[in-house]
Amino acid sequence: MMNTPISSHDNAALEKNTYDPNRLLDALIEKLHLKNDAALSRALEVAPPVISKIRHRRLPVGASLLIRMHEVTHLSIRELRELMGDRREKFRISDKQFKPKSS
């Protein structure tokens, strides 16, 4: 089997399709003309550690934060998801989310 080198175009396409929340955060900072993550956290009304944890992939971008990003930037949820490389067409919700907690 012969290995073919990946062209810069293929590499850019591959990079664009991979999950990277930093791309989303950087795009929001640019769109809102902010200086840094601290300014972004103020704009989104979240604690600064939330942005840091997302940047370091210790916290996923949750639905409520995605909605807040939409409200602040007026970008569609699909656009926001595409910025971070999330290309899923459908989402599965666990049955556990609808069951009441047992006491």
C-alpha atoms as a PDB file:
ATOM      1  CA  MET A   1       0.000   0.000   0.000  1.00  0.00           C
ATOM      2  CA  MET A   2       1.432   3.341  -1.005  1.00  0.00           C
ATOM      3  CA  ASN A   3       1.102   6.354   1.280  1.00  0.00           C
ATOM      4  CA  THR A   4       0.041   9.451  -0.567  1.00  0.00           C
ATOM      5  CA  PRO A   5       0.992  12.777   0.955  1.00  0.00           C
ATOM      6  CA  ILE A   6      -1.820  14.956   2.220  1.00  0.00           C
ATOM      7  CA  SER A   7      -1.996  18.223   0.330  1.00  0.00           C
ATOM      8  CA  SER A   8      -2.387  21.482   2.210  1.00  0.00           C
ATOM      9  CA  HIS A   9      -5.946  21.725   0.797  1.00  0.00           C
ATOM     10  CA  ASP A  10      -6.825  18.235   2.134  1.00  0.00           C
ATOM     11  CA  ASN A  11      -5.185  19.041   5.455  1.00  0.00           C
ATOM     12  CA  ALA A  12      -7.157  22.295   5.768  1.00  0.00           C
ATOM     13  CA  ALA A  13     -10.402  20.454   5.001  1.00  0.00           C
ATOM     14  CA  LEU A  14      -9.558  17.747   7.533  1.00  0.00           C
ATOM     15  CA  GLU A  15      -8.656  20.369  10.136  1.00  0.00           C
ATOM     16  CA  LYS A  16     -11.909  22.247   9.511  1.00  0.00           C
ATOM     17  CA  ASN A  17     -13.961  19.083  10.080  1.00  0.00           C
ATOM     18  CA  THR A  18     -12.423  18.171  13.422  1.00  0.00           C
ATOM     19  CA  TYR A  19     -13.936  19.271  16.706  1.00  0.00           C
ATOM     20  CA  ASP A  20     -12.152  22.338  18.046  1.00  0.00           C
ATOM     21  CA  PRO A  21     -13.985  24.605  20.510  1.00  0.00           C
ATOM     22  CA  ASN A  22     -11.082  27.086  20.316  1.00  0.00           C
ATOM     23  CA  ARG A  23     -12.081  27.947  16.752  1.00  0.00           C
ATOM     24  CA  LEU A  24     -15.574  28.816  18.015  1.00  0.00           C
ATOM     25  CA  LEU A  25     -14.298  30.916  20.926  1.00  0.00           C
ATOM     26  CA  ASP A  26     -11.799  32.759  18.728  1.00  0.00           C
ATOM     27  CA  ALA A  27     -14.504  33.465  16.121  1.00  0.00           C
ATOM     28  CA  LEU A  28     -16.803  34.897  18.815  1.00  0.00           C
ATOM     29  CA  ILE A  29     -14.032  37.128  20.150  1.00  0.00           C
ATOM     30  CA  GLU A  30     -13.405  38.397  16.635  1.00  0.00           C
ATOM     31  CA  LYS A  31     -17.093  38.872  15.769  1.00  0.00           C
ATOM     32  CA  LEU A  32     -17.801  40.771  18.979  1.00  0.00           C
ATOM     33  CA  HIS A  33     -14.553  42.795  18.712  1.00  0.00           C
ATOM     34  CA  LEU A  34     -13.353  41.637  22.133  1.00  0.00           C
ATOM     35  CA  LYS A  35      -9.813  41.544  23.456  1.00  0.00           C
ATOM     36  CA  ASN A  36      -9.685  38.200  25.237  1.00  0.00           C
ATOM     37  CA  ASP A  37     -11.461  35.318  26.975  1.00  0.00           C
ATOM     38  CA  ALA A  38     -12.277  37.449  30.024  1.00  0.00           C
ATOM     39  CA  ALA A  39     -14.161  39.923  27.825  1.00  0.00           C
ATOM     40  CA  LEU A  40     -15.934  37.008  26.123  1.00  0.00           C
ATOM     41  CA  SER A  41     -17.012  35.576  29.477  1.00  0.00           C
ATOM     42  CA  ARG A  42     -18.493  38.981  30.406  1.00  0.00           C
ATOM     43  CA  ALA A  43     -20.301  39.243  27.056  1.00  0.00           C
ATOM     44  CA  LEU A  44     -21.774  35.744  27.478  1.00  0.00           C
ATOM     45  CA  GLU A  45     -22.418  36.318  31.201  1.00  0.00           C
ATOM     46  CA  VAL A  46     -20.543  33.202  32.284  1.00  0.00           C
ATOM     47  CA  ALA A  47     -17.729  32.814  34.806  1.00  0.00           C
ATOM     48  CA  PRO A  48     -14.233  33.103  33.278  1.00  0.00           C
ATOM     49  CA  PRO A  49     -13.311  29.519  34.283  1.00  0.00           C
ATOM     50  CA  VAL A  50     -16.112  28.244  32.011  1.00  0.00           C
ATOM     51  CA  ILE A  51     -14.360  29.672  28.948  1.00  0.00           C
ATOM     52  CA  SER A  52     -11.006  28.332  30.168  1.00  0.00           C
ATOM     53  CA  LYS A  53     -12.417  24.833  30.722  1.00  0.00           C
ATOM     54  CA  ILE A  54     -13.994  24.841  27.257  1.00  0.00           C
ATOM     55  CA  ARG A  55     -10.700  25.996  25.718  1.00  0.00           C
ATOM     56  CA  HIS A  56      -8.809  23.196  27.459  1.00  0.00           C
ATOM     57  CA  ARG A  57     -11.531  20.660  26.536  1.00  0.00           C
ATOM     58  CA  ARG A  58     -12.444  19.899  30.129  1.00  0.00           C
ATOM     59  CA  LEU A  59     -15.994  21.147  29.583  1.00  0.00           C
ATOM     60  CA  PRO A  60     -18.152  20.704  26.487  1.00  0.00           C
ATOM     61  CA  VAL A  61     -20.062  23.588  24.947  1.00  0.00           C
ATOM     62  CA  GLY A  62     -23.494  22.876  26.393  1.00  0.00           C
ATOM     63  CA  ALA A  63     -26.873  23.673  24.908  1.00  0.00           C
ATOM     64  CA  SER A  64     -27.562  26.619  27.208  1.00  0.00           C
ATOM     65  CA  LEU A  65     -24.209  28.228  26.386  1.00  0.00           C
ATOM     66  CA  LEU A  66     -24.771  27.625  22.665  1.00  0.00           C
ATOM     67  CA  ILE A  67     -28.134  29.382  22.956  1.00  0.00           C
ATOM     68  CA  ARG A  68     -26.505  32.278  24.824  1.00  0.00           C
ATOM     69  CA  MET A  69     -23.853  32.542  22.086  1.00  0.00           C
ATOM     70  CA  HIS A  70     -26.676  32.688  19.534  1.00  0.00           C
ATOM     71  CA  GLU A  71     -28.474  35.436  21.478  1.00  0.00           C
ATOM     72  CA  VAL A  72     -25.324  37.558  21.745  1.00  0.00           C
ATOM     73  CA  THR A  73     -23.927  37.057  18.229  1.00  0.00           C
ATOM     74  CA  HIS A  74     -27.111  36.422  16.207  1.00  0.00           C
ATOM     75  CA  LEU A  75     -25.295  33.527  14.517  1.00  0.00           C
ATOM     76  CA  SER A  76     -27.492  30.473  14.006  1.00  0.00           C
ATOM     77  CA  ILE A  77     -26.955  27.411  16.189  1.00  0.00           C
ATOM     78  CA  ARG A  78     -25.872  25.541  13.041  1.00  0.00           C
ATOM     79  CA  GLU A  79     -23.264  28.236  12.280  1.00  0.00           C
ATOM     80  CA  LEU A  80     -21.961  28.094  15.847  1.00  0.00           C
ATOM     81  CA  ARG A  81     -21.729  24.298  15.724  1.00  0.00           C
ATOM     82  CA  GLU A  82     -19.946  24.412  12.372  1.00  0.00           C
ATOM     83  CA  LEU A  83     -17.409  26.880  13.780  1.00  0.00           C
ATOM     84  CA  MET A  84     -16.337  24.324  16.363  1.00  0.00           C
ATOM     85  CA  GLY A  85     -16.407  21.421  13.903  1.00  0.00           C
ATOM     86  CA  ASP A  86     -19.618  19.764  15.114  1.00  0.00           C
ATOM     87  CA  ARG A  87     -21.222  18.369  11.956  1.00  0.00           C
ATOM     88  CA  ARG A  88     -23.798  16.018  13.469  1.00  0.00           C
ATOM     89  CA  GLU A  89     -27.150  16.111  11.743  1.00  0.00           C
ATOM     90  CA  LYS A  90     -29.094  14.440  14.551  1.00  0.00           C
ATOM     91  CA  PHE A  91     -28.726  14.396  18.300  1.00  0.00           C
ATOM     92  CA  ARG A  92     -29.637  11.510  20.515  1.00  0.00           C
ATOM     93  CA  ILE A  93     -31.076  12.202  23.928  1.00  0.00           C
ATOM     94  CA  SER A  94     -30.615   9.613  26.593  1.00  0.00           C
ATOM     95  CA  ASP A  95     -33.717   7.991  28.140  1.00  0.00           C
ATOM     96  CA  LYS A  96     -32.207   8.822  31.533  1.00  0.00           C
ATOM     97  CA  GLN A  97     -32.819  12.518  30.914  1.00  0.00           C
ATOM     98  CA  PHE A  98     -36.579  11.959  30.977  1.00  0.00           C
ATOM     99  CA  LYS A  99     -36.787   9.642  33.969  1.00  0.00           C
ATOM    100  CA  PRO A 100     -37.425  11.154  37.395  1.00  0.00           C
ATOM    101  CA  LYS A 101     -34.647  10.661  39.916  1.00  0.00           C
ATOM    102  CA  SER A 102     -35.409   7.960  42.455  1.00  0.00           C
ATOM    103  CA  SER A 103     -35.244   9.061  46.061  1.00  0.00           C
END
